[in-house]
């Protein structure tokens, strides 16, 4: 890869019912979505280090929409690669699902 570094970004959102400033929603339960996003990113990149040992991979978790995360992170990037999530039973372009 010509000495390039790869930055992987996983956007995640906290459900609206967990953003209220309530004592029961702080601490460990408040971090469940972020931990889940980190686990998904780790799973997706599981074999990359073994298969490409010379490539430096940075991992970033961004709270918010995928659109905003990609726009802000891509401003300094040389290349942007996007993975899409598809709805079952629907063919064709699905704007908004990333």
N, C-alpha and C. Protein backbone atom coordinates (compact mmCIF):
# COMPACT_ATOMS: atom_id res chain seq x y z
N UNK A 1 0.81 -1.20 0.00
CA UNK A 1 0.00 0.00 0.00
C UNK A 1 0.85 1.26 0.00
N UNK A 2 2.01 1.23 -0.47
CA UNK A 2 2.83 2.42 -0.64
C UNK A 2 3.06 3.21 0.63
N UNK A 3 3.14 2.57 1.76
CA UNK A 3 3.43 3.26 3.01
C UNK A 3 2.29 4.09 3.57
N UNK A 4 1.08 3.89 3.09
CA UNK A 4 -0.06 4.65 3.58
C UNK A 4 -0.58 4.06 4.89
N UNK A 5 -1.26 4.88 5.63
CA UNK A 5 -1.94 4.44 6.84
C UNK A 5 -3.44 4.41 6.56
N UNK A 6 -4.14 3.52 7.24
CA UNK A 6 -5.57 3.38 7.06
C UNK A 6 -6.28 3.83 8.34
N UNK A 7 -7.25 4.70 8.18
CA UNK A 7 -8.07 5.10 9.32
C UNK A 7 -9.46 4.52 9.13
N UNK A 8 -9.88 3.69 10.06
CA UNK A 8 -11.22 3.11 10.00
C UNK A 8 -12.11 3.90 10.95
N UNK A 9 -13.33 4.15 10.51
CA UNK A 9 -14.26 4.95 11.30
C UNK A 9 -15.56 4.18 11.44
N UNK A 10 -16.04 4.09 12.65
CA UNK A 10 -17.33 3.47 12.93
C UNK A 10 -18.18 4.51 13.63
N UNK A 11 -19.26 4.93 12.97
CA UNK A 11 -20.19 5.88 13.58
C UNK A 11 -21.23 5.10 14.37
N UNK A 12 -21.64 5.67 15.48
CA UNK A 12 -22.66 5.03 16.31
C UNK A 12 -23.52 6.10 16.95
N UNK A 13 -24.70 5.70 17.34
CA UNK A 13 -25.63 6.64 17.99
C UNK A 13 -26.19 6.01 19.25
N UNK A 14 -26.36 6.85 20.23
CA UNK A 14 -27.00 6.43 21.48
C UNK A 14 -28.51 6.62 21.29
N UNK A 15 -29.32 5.64 21.64
CA UNK A 15 -30.78 5.80 21.50
C UNK A 15 -31.27 7.02 22.29
N UNK A 16 -32.29 7.68 21.79
CA UNK A 16 -32.80 8.91 22.40
C UNK A 16 -33.17 8.71 23.86
N UNK A 17 -33.72 7.55 24.20
CA UNK A 17 -34.14 7.34 25.59
C UNK A 17 -32.95 7.22 26.54
N UNK A 18 -31.73 7.10 26.00
CA UNK A 18 -30.55 7.00 26.86
C UNK A 18 -29.76 8.31 26.93
N UNK A 19 -30.26 9.36 26.30
CA UNK A 19 -29.54 10.63 26.34
C UNK A 19 -30.05 11.55 27.44
N UNK A 20 -31.15 11.18 28.08
CA UNK A 20 -31.71 12.01 29.14
C UNK A 20 -30.78 11.99 30.35
N UNK A 21 -30.64 13.14 31.03
CA UNK A 21 -29.77 13.19 32.20
C UNK A 21 -30.42 12.54 33.42
N UNK A 22 -30.48 11.25 33.44
CA UNK A 22 -31.10 10.49 34.52
C UNK A 22 -30.04 9.62 35.16
N UNK A 23 -29.99 9.52 36.49
CA UNK A 23 -28.95 8.74 37.15
C UNK A 23 -28.87 7.29 36.69
N UNK A 24 -29.98 6.69 36.31
CA UNK A 24 -29.97 5.29 35.87
C UNK A 24 -29.35 5.12 34.49
N UNK A 25 -29.19 6.21 33.75
CA UNK A 25 -28.68 6.13 32.38
C UNK A 25 -27.21 6.53 32.29
N UNK A 26 -26.56 6.73 33.40
CA UNK A 26 -25.14 7.07 33.38
C UNK A 26 -24.31 5.84 33.70
N UNK A 27 -23.02 5.96 33.54
CA UNK A 27 -22.13 4.84 33.85
C UNK A 27 -22.14 3.77 32.79
N UNK A 28 -22.13 2.53 33.21
CA UNK A 28 -21.99 1.39 32.30
C UNK A 28 -23.11 1.30 31.25
N UNK A 29 -24.40 1.44 31.61
CA UNK A 29 -25.44 1.35 30.57
C UNK A 29 -25.28 2.40 29.48
N UNK A 30 -24.76 3.57 29.84
CA UNK A 30 -24.61 4.64 28.86
C UNK A 30 -23.54 4.33 27.83
N UNK A 31 -22.63 3.42 28.14
CA UNK A 31 -21.53 3.09 27.23
C UNK A 31 -21.78 1.82 26.43
N UNK A 32 -22.93 1.20 26.57
CA UNK A 32 -23.20 -0.07 25.90
C UNK A 32 -23.13 0.06 24.38
N UNK A 33 -23.70 1.13 23.81
CA UNK A 33 -23.70 1.30 22.36
C UNK A 33 -22.28 1.54 21.84
N UNK A 34 -21.50 2.33 22.56
CA UNK A 34 -20.12 2.59 22.14
C UNK A 34 -19.30 1.30 22.20
N UNK A 35 -19.49 0.52 23.25
CA UNK A 35 -18.77 -0.75 23.38
C UNK A 35 -19.16 -1.71 22.26
N UNK A 36 -20.45 -1.71 21.90
CA UNK A 36 -20.92 -2.57 20.81
C UNK A 36 -20.30 -2.13 19.48
N UNK A 37 -20.24 -0.83 19.25
CA UNK A 37 -19.62 -0.31 18.02
C UNK A 37 -18.15 -0.67 17.96
N UNK A 38 -17.46 -0.59 19.09
CA UNK A 38 -16.04 -0.97 19.14
C UNK A 38 -15.86 -2.45 18.84
N UNK A 39 -16.75 -3.28 19.37
CA UNK A 39 -16.66 -4.72 19.10
C UNK A 39 -16.90 -5.02 17.63
N UNK A 40 -17.85 -4.33 17.01
CA UNK A 40 -18.11 -4.53 15.58
C UNK A 40 -16.91 -4.11 14.74
N UNK A 41 -16.28 -3.01 15.10
CA UNK A 41 -15.10 -2.54 14.37
C UNK A 41 -13.95 -3.53 14.54
N UNK A 42 -13.75 -4.00 15.76
CA UNK A 42 -12.70 -5.00 16.01
C UNK A 42 -12.94 -6.27 15.20
N UNK A 43 -14.20 -6.70 15.14
CA UNK A 43 -14.55 -7.90 14.38
C UNK A 43 -14.28 -7.71 12.89
N UNK A 44 -14.62 -6.53 12.38
CA UNK A 44 -14.41 -6.26 10.95
C UNK A 44 -12.93 -6.22 10.59
N UNK A 45 -12.11 -5.80 11.53
CA UNK A 45 -10.67 -5.65 11.25
C UNK A 45 -9.84 -6.79 11.83
N UNK A 46 -10.49 -7.83 12.27
CA UNK A 46 -9.83 -8.92 12.98
C UNK A 46 -8.62 -9.49 12.25
N UNK A 47 -8.74 -9.80 10.98
CA UNK A 47 -7.64 -10.43 10.26
C UNK A 47 -6.73 -9.48 9.50
N UNK A 48 -7.02 -8.20 9.53
CA UNK A 48 -6.25 -7.24 8.73
C UNK A 48 -4.79 -7.18 9.16
N UNK A 49 -4.54 -7.11 10.45
CA UNK A 49 -3.16 -7.00 10.94
C UNK A 49 -2.34 -8.24 10.57
N UNK A 50 -2.98 -9.40 10.60
CA UNK A 50 -2.26 -10.63 10.24
C UNK A 50 -2.00 -10.70 8.74
N UNK A 51 -2.99 -10.30 7.95
CA UNK A 51 -2.87 -10.39 6.50
C UNK A 51 -1.97 -9.30 5.92
N UNK A 52 -1.98 -8.12 6.54
CA UNK A 52 -1.19 -6.99 6.07
C UNK A 52 -0.39 -6.41 7.24
N UNK A 53 0.65 -7.08 7.68
CA UNK A 53 1.38 -6.64 8.88
C UNK A 53 2.08 -5.30 8.73
N UNK A 54 2.36 -4.86 7.53
CA UNK A 54 3.06 -3.59 7.33
C UNK A 54 2.15 -2.38 7.29
N UNK A 55 0.85 -2.59 7.31
CA UNK A 55 -0.11 -1.48 7.21
C UNK A 55 -0.52 -1.03 8.61
N UNK A 56 -0.39 0.25 8.86
CA UNK A 56 -0.81 0.83 10.14
C UNK A 56 -2.29 1.16 10.04
N UNK A 57 -3.08 0.61 10.96
CA UNK A 57 -4.53 0.80 10.96
C UNK A 57 -4.93 1.55 12.23
N UNK A 58 -5.57 2.71 12.04
CA UNK A 58 -6.09 3.50 13.16
C UNK A 58 -7.59 3.23 13.25
N UNK A 59 -8.09 3.14 14.45
CA UNK A 59 -9.52 2.89 14.66
C UNK A 59 -10.14 4.10 15.36
N UNK A 60 -11.29 4.54 14.86
CA UNK A 60 -11.97 5.69 15.46
C UNK A 60 -13.44 5.38 15.62
N UNK A 61 -13.97 5.70 16.78
CA UNK A 61 -15.40 5.61 17.03
C UNK A 61 -15.93 7.03 17.12
N UNK A 62 -16.97 7.32 16.34
CA UNK A 62 -17.53 8.67 16.30
C UNK A 62 -19.00 8.59 16.64
N UNK A 63 -19.41 9.32 17.68
CA UNK A 63 -20.83 9.34 18.02
C UNK A 63 -21.53 10.32 17.10
N UNK A 64 -22.56 9.85 16.42
CA UNK A 64 -23.31 10.69 15.50
C UNK A 64 -23.61 9.95 14.22
N UNK A 65 -24.06 10.68 13.22
CA UNK A 65 -24.43 10.05 11.95
C UNK A 65 -23.19 9.66 11.15
N UNK A 66 -23.34 8.62 10.36
CA UNK A 66 -22.24 8.18 9.50
C UNK A 66 -21.89 9.27 8.50
N UNK A 67 -22.90 9.97 8.01
CA UNK A 67 -22.68 11.04 7.03
C UNK A 67 -21.75 12.11 7.58
N UNK A 68 -22.03 12.59 8.77
CA UNK A 68 -21.19 13.64 9.36
C UNK A 68 -19.80 13.12 9.70
N UNK A 69 -19.72 11.89 10.18
CA UNK A 69 -18.41 11.32 10.51
C UNK A 69 -17.55 11.19 9.26
N UNK A 70 -18.14 10.72 8.17
CA UNK A 70 -17.37 10.54 6.93
C UNK A 70 -16.96 11.87 6.32
N UNK A 71 -17.85 12.84 6.33
CA UNK A 71 -17.51 14.15 5.76
C UNK A 71 -16.37 14.80 6.55
N UNK A 72 -16.46 14.77 7.87
CA UNK A 72 -15.41 15.42 8.66
C UNK A 72 -14.08 14.67 8.58
N UNK A 73 -14.11 13.35 8.57
CA UNK A 73 -12.87 12.57 8.53
C UNK A 73 -12.25 12.52 7.14
N UNK A 74 -13.05 12.67 6.10
CA UNK A 74 -12.52 12.53 4.74
C UNK A 74 -11.85 13.79 4.22
N UNK A 75 -11.97 14.90 4.92
CA UNK A 75 -11.38 16.15 4.43
C UNK A 75 -9.87 16.07 4.29
N UNK A 76 -9.22 15.24 5.07
CA UNK A 76 -7.76 15.10 4.99
C UNK A 76 -7.34 13.76 4.38
N UNK A 77 -8.30 13.01 3.87
CA UNK A 77 -8.00 11.68 3.33
C UNK A 77 -7.63 11.73 1.86
N UNK A 78 -6.80 10.79 1.44
CA UNK A 78 -6.46 10.65 0.02
C UNK A 78 -7.48 9.77 -0.70
N UNK A 79 -8.13 8.89 0.05
CA UNK A 79 -9.08 7.95 -0.53
C UNK A 79 -10.15 7.65 0.51
N UNK A 80 -11.40 7.54 0.07
CA UNK A 80 -12.50 7.22 0.96
C UNK A 80 -13.18 5.96 0.45
N UNK A 81 -13.27 4.96 1.29
CA UNK A 81 -13.94 3.71 0.95
C UNK A 81 -15.11 3.56 1.90
N UNK A 82 -16.29 3.31 1.35
CA UNK A 82 -17.51 3.25 2.16
C UNK A 82 -18.12 1.86 2.05
N UNK A 83 -18.50 1.31 3.20
CA UNK A 83 -19.23 0.04 3.22
C UNK A 83 -20.71 0.34 3.38
N UNK A 84 -21.53 -0.39 2.68
CA UNK A 84 -22.98 -0.14 2.72
C UNK A 84 -23.71 -1.26 3.43
N UNK A 85 -24.76 -0.89 4.11
CA UNK A 85 -25.66 -1.84 4.73
C UNK A 85 -26.93 -1.88 3.88
N UNK A 86 -27.37 -3.04 3.53
CA UNK A 86 -28.54 -3.15 2.64
C UNK A 86 -29.76 -3.67 3.39
N UNK A 87 -30.90 -3.17 2.98
CA UNK A 87 -32.16 -3.72 3.48
C UNK A 87 -32.45 -5.00 2.73
N UNK A 88 -32.99 -5.96 3.40
CA UNK A 88 -33.31 -7.23 2.75
C UNK A 88 -34.47 -7.07 1.78
N UNK A 89 -34.33 -7.72 0.65
CA UNK A 89 -35.40 -7.71 -0.33
C UNK A 89 -35.48 -6.46 -1.18
N UNK A 90 -34.51 -5.57 -1.07
CA UNK A 90 -34.54 -4.34 -1.84
C UNK A 90 -33.28 -4.26 -2.68
N UNK A 91 -33.45 -4.09 -3.98
CA UNK A 91 -32.31 -3.98 -4.88
C UNK A 91 -32.16 -2.53 -5.33
N UNK A 92 -30.97 -2.15 -5.70
CA UNK A 92 -30.73 -0.80 -6.20
C UNK A 92 -30.10 0.09 -5.15
N UNK A 93 -29.98 1.38 -5.49
CA UNK A 93 -29.34 2.34 -4.59
C UNK A 93 -30.19 2.56 -3.36
N UNK A 94 -29.53 2.66 -2.23
CA UNK A 94 -30.21 2.94 -0.97
C UNK A 94 -29.48 4.09 -0.30
N UNK A 95 -29.84 5.28 -0.65
CA UNK A 95 -29.18 6.45 -0.10
C UNK A 95 -29.47 6.58 1.39
N UNK A 96 -28.46 6.93 2.14
CA UNK A 96 -28.63 7.12 3.57
C UNK A 96 -28.15 5.96 4.40
N UNK A 97 -28.11 4.76 3.83
CA UNK A 97 -27.61 3.60 4.57
C UNK A 97 -26.13 3.43 4.28
N UNK A 98 -25.33 3.54 5.31
CA UNK A 98 -23.88 3.40 5.15
C UNK A 98 -23.39 2.36 6.13
